[in-house]
């Protein structure tokens, strides 16, 4: 297997594992009624002034799982490709992690605001 195929395989594998683990954990918390204690939900609802009565929680849960799985799989595989010392890899990964979290949640929040925002 060539290098690109190998990396693509690991990205997809890590993405799939993280997606299903996170989906299971979020489903478990939502079924217990702890939705307000989930940080992503609370952040998006408060930051983008979303109407909780209109929100489709399954749609929101799916989006959050996809975003988190993508961030983890992309950052973990990207830093392994960089040919520098482990300290620099961790620093780059840390910066990249926060940049992706901010950017992707901002985009997702704007999409949710357009769909479920308070009028």
C-alpha atoms as a PDB file:
ATOM      1  CA  UNK A   1       0.000   0.000   0.000  1.00  0.00           C
ATOM      2  CA  UNK A   2       1.443   3.389  -0.974  1.00  0.00           C
ATOM      3  CA  UNK A   3       1.932   6.246   1.447  1.00  0.00           C
ATOM      4  CA  UNK A   4      -1.163   8.219   0.434  1.00  0.00           C
ATOM      5  CA  UNK A   5      -3.376   5.149   0.631  1.00  0.00           C
ATOM      6  CA  UNK A   6      -1.917   4.255   4.009  1.00  0.00           C
ATOM      7  CA  UNK A   7      -2.561   7.729   5.429  1.00  0.00           C
ATOM      8  CA  UNK A   8      -6.065   7.839   3.967  1.00  0.00           C
ATOM      9  CA  UNK A   9      -6.796   4.461   5.541  1.00  0.00           C
ATOM     10  CA  UNK A  10      -5.708   5.726   8.987  1.00  0.00           C
ATOM     11  CA  UNK A  11      -7.666   8.973   8.653  1.00  0.00           C
ATOM     12  CA  UNK A  12     -10.833   7.043   7.773  1.00  0.00           C
ATOM     13  CA  UNK A  13     -10.229   4.465  10.508  1.00  0.00           C
ATOM     14  CA  UNK A  14      -9.652   7.061  13.239  1.00  0.00           C
ATOM     15  CA  UNK A  15     -12.601   9.135  11.948  1.00  0.00           C
ATOM     16  CA  UNK A  16     -14.927   6.120  12.051  1.00  0.00           C
ATOM     17  CA  UNK A  17     -13.877   5.033  15.519  1.00  0.00           C
ATOM     18  CA  UNK A  18     -14.114   8.541  16.979  1.00  0.00           C
ATOM     19  CA  UNK A  19     -17.457   9.200  15.287  1.00  0.00           C
ATOM     20  CA  UNK A  20     -19.121   6.082  16.681  1.00  0.00           C
ATOM     21  CA  UNK A  21     -17.636   6.497  20.159  1.00  0.00           C
ATOM     22  CA  UNK A  22     -18.679  10.119  20.362  1.00  0.00           C
ATOM     23  CA  UNK A  23     -22.118   9.388  18.864  1.00  0.00           C
ATOM     24  CA  UNK A  24     -22.693   6.671  21.468  1.00  0.00           C
ATOM     25  CA  UNK A  25     -21.602   8.923  24.353  1.00  0.00           C
ATOM     26  CA  UNK A  26     -23.731  11.860  23.201  1.00  0.00           C
ATOM     27  CA  UNK A  27     -26.756   9.620  22.686  1.00  0.00           C
ATOM     28  CA  UNK A  28     -26.332   8.235  26.186  1.00  0.00           C
ATOM     29  CA  UNK A  29     -26.157  11.734  27.725  1.00  0.00           C
ATOM     30  CA  UNK A  30     -29.134  13.007  25.723  1.00  0.00           C
ATOM     31  CA  UNK A  31     -31.260   9.998  26.718  1.00  0.00           C
ATOM     32  CA  UNK A  32     -30.505  10.701  30.385  1.00  0.00           C
ATOM     33  CA  UNK A  33     -31.690  14.284  29.915  1.00  0.00           C
ATOM     34  CA  UNK A  34     -28.271  15.876  30.445  1.00  0.00           C
ATOM     35  CA  UNK A  35     -28.377  17.889  27.243  1.00  0.00           C
ATOM     36  CA  UNK A  36     -27.707  21.200  29.009  1.00  0.00           C
ATOM     37  CA  UNK A  37     -24.531  19.748  30.512  1.00  0.00           C
ATOM     38  CA  UNK A  38     -23.037  18.919  27.110  1.00  0.00           C
ATOM     39  CA  UNK A  39     -20.554  21.693  26.379  1.00  0.00           C
ATOM     40  CA  UNK A  40     -20.954  21.790  22.610  1.00  0.00           C
ATOM     41  CA  UNK A  41     -24.733  22.069  22.783  1.00  0.00           C
ATOM     42  CA  UNK A  42     -24.623  24.778  25.462  1.00  0.00           C
ATOM     43  CA  UNK A  43     -21.954  26.750  23.587  1.00  0.00           C
ATOM     44  CA  UNK A  44     -23.763  26.677  20.257  1.00  0.00           C
ATOM     45  CA  UNK A  45     -27.159  27.536  21.758  1.00  0.00           C
ATOM     46  CA  UNK A  46     -25.817  30.439  23.811  1.00  0.00           C
ATOM     47  CA  UNK A  47     -23.291  31.822  21.310  1.00  0.00           C
ATOM     48  CA  UNK A  48     -25.632  31.818  18.316  1.00  0.00           C
ATOM     49  CA  UNK A  49     -28.931  32.530  20.139  1.00  0.00           C
ATOM     50  CA  UNK A  50     -30.624  29.357  18.964  1.00  0.00           C
ATOM     51  CA  UNK A  51     -34.236  28.572  19.798  1.00  0.00           C
ATOM     52  CA  UNK A  52     -34.163  25.314  21.777  1.00  0.00           C
ATOM     53  CA  UNK A  53     -37.756  24.511  20.867  1.00  0.00           C
ATOM     54  CA  UNK A  54     -37.004  24.538  17.123  1.00  0.00           C
ATOM     55  CA  UNK A  55     -33.720  22.619  17.187  1.00  0.00           C
ATOM     56  CA  UNK A  56     -33.621  19.111  15.799  1.00  0.00           C
ATOM     57  CA  UNK A  57     -31.325  17.473  18.368  1.00  0.00           C
ATOM     58  CA  UNK A  58     -30.493  14.513  16.127  1.00  0.00           C
ATOM     59  CA  UNK A  59     -29.294  16.896  13.394  1.00  0.00           C
ATOM     60  CA  UNK A  60     -27.241  18.867  15.897  1.00  0.00           C
ATOM     61  CA  UNK A  61     -25.826  15.701  17.498  1.00  0.00           C
ATOM     62  CA  UNK A  62     -24.797  14.316  14.111  1.00  0.00           C
ATOM     63  CA  UNK A  63     -23.070  17.569  13.168  1.00  0.00           C
ATOM     64  CA  UNK A  64     -21.161  17.741  16.435  1.00  0.00           C
ATOM     65  CA  UNK A  65     -20.027  14.119  16.096  1.00  0.00           C
ATOM     66  CA  UNK A  66     -18.803  14.699  12.539  1.00  0.00           C
ATOM     67  CA  UNK A  67     -16.933  17.871  13.504  1.00  0.00           C
ATOM     68  CA  UNK A  68     -15.226  16.316  16.532  1.00  0.00           C
ATOM     69  CA  UNK A  69     -14.291  13.120  14.691  1.00  0.00           C
ATOM     70  CA  UNK A  70     -12.865  15.137  11.782  1.00  0.00           C
ATOM     71  CA  UNK A  71     -10.821  17.375  14.077  1.00  0.00           C
ATOM     72  CA  UNK A  72      -9.321  14.458  15.987  1.00  0.00           C
ATOM     73  CA  UNK A  73      -8.557  12.338  12.920  1.00  0.00           C
ATOM     74  CA  UNK A  74      -7.127  15.217  10.883  1.00  0.00           C
ATOM     75  CA  UNK A  75      -4.899  16.653  13.618  1.00  0.00           C
ATOM     76  CA  UNK A  76      -3.606  13.283  14.794  1.00  0.00           C
ATOM     77  CA  UNK A  77      -2.686  12.165  11.290  1.00  0.00           C
ATOM     78  CA  UNK A  78      -1.342  15.559  10.193  1.00  0.00           C
ATOM     79  CA  UNK A  79       1.129  15.867  13.048  1.00  0.00           C
ATOM     80  CA  UNK A  80       2.471  12.373  12.362  1.00  0.00           C
ATOM     81  CA  UNK A  81       3.410  13.440   8.827  1.00  0.00           C
ATOM     82  CA  UNK A  82       5.543  16.386   9.969  1.00  0.00           C
ATOM     83  CA  UNK A  83       9.240  15.463  10.082  1.00  0.00           C
ATOM     84  CA  UNK A  84      10.179  17.473  13.201  1.00  0.00           C
ATOM     85  CA  UNK A  85      10.755  16.667  16.844  1.00  0.00           C
ATOM     86  CA  UNK A  86       7.920  15.574  19.081  1.00  0.00           C
ATOM     87  CA  UNK A  87       7.842  18.907  20.953  1.00  0.00           C
ATOM     88  CA  UNK A  88       7.191  20.833  17.748  1.00  0.00           C
ATOM     89  CA  UNK A  89       4.611  18.272  16.664  1.00  0.00           C
ATOM     90  CA  UNK A  90       2.721  18.777  19.911  1.00  0.00           C
ATOM     91  CA  UNK A  91       2.890  22.568  19.591  1.00  0.00           C
ATOM     92  CA  UNK A  92       1.678  22.463  15.988  1.00  0.00           C
ATOM     93  CA  UNK A  93      -1.048  19.992  16.927  1.00  0.00           C
ATOM     94  CA  UNK A  94      -2.173  22.168  19.824  1.00  0.00           C
ATOM     95  CA  UNK A  95      -2.436  25.291  17.642  1.00  0.00           C
ATOM     96  CA  UNK A  96      -4.103  23.374  14.816  1.00  0.00           C
ATOM     97  CA  UNK A  97      -6.553  21.771  17.231  1.00  0.00           C
ATOM     98  CA  UNK A  98      -7.771  25.088  18.616  1.00  0.00           C
ATOM     99  CA  UNK A  99      -7.895  26.714  15.177  1.00  0.00           C
ATOM    100  CA  UNK A 100     -10.041  23.897  13.779  1.00  0.00           C
ATOM    101  CA  UNK A 101     -12.337  23.843  16.804  1.00  0.00           C
ATOM    102  CA  UNK A 102     -12.964  27.559  16.550  1.00  0.00           C
ATOM    103  CA  UNK A 103     -13.370  27.624  12.764  1.00  0.00           C
ATOM    104  CA  UNK A 104     -15.570  24.559  12.371  1.00  0.00           C
ATOM    105  CA  UNK A 105     -17.858  25.360  15.308  1.00  0.00           C
ATOM    106  CA  UNK A 106     -18.193  28.936  14.042  1.00  0.00           C
ATOM    107  CA  UNK A 107     -19.259  27.696  10.601  1.00  0.00           C
ATOM    108  CA  UNK A 108     -21.609  25.099  12.084  1.00  0.00           C
ATOM    109  CA  UNK A 109     -23.099  27.641  14.479  1.00  0.00           C
ATOM    110  CA  UNK A 110     -23.828  30.036  11.633  1.00  0.00           C
ATOM    111  CA  UNK A 111     -25.547  27.255   9.713  1.00  0.00           C
ATOM    112  CA  UNK A 112     -27.632  26.415  12.767  1.00  0.00           C
ATOM    113  CA  UNK A 113     -28.459  30.071  13.349  1.00  0.00           C
ATOM    114  CA  UNK A 114     -29.752  30.394   9.809  1.00  0.00           C
ATOM    115  CA  UNK A 115     -31.928  27.339  10.330  1.00  0.00           C
ATOM    116  CA  UNK A 116     -32.929  27.508  14.026  1.00  0.00           C
ATOM    117  CA  UNK A 117     -32.125  31.058  15.111  1.00  0.00           C
ATOM    118  CA  UNK A 118     -34.471  33.209  17.138  1.00  0.00           C
ATOM    119  CA  UNK A 119     -36.312  35.627  14.892  1.00  0.00           C
END
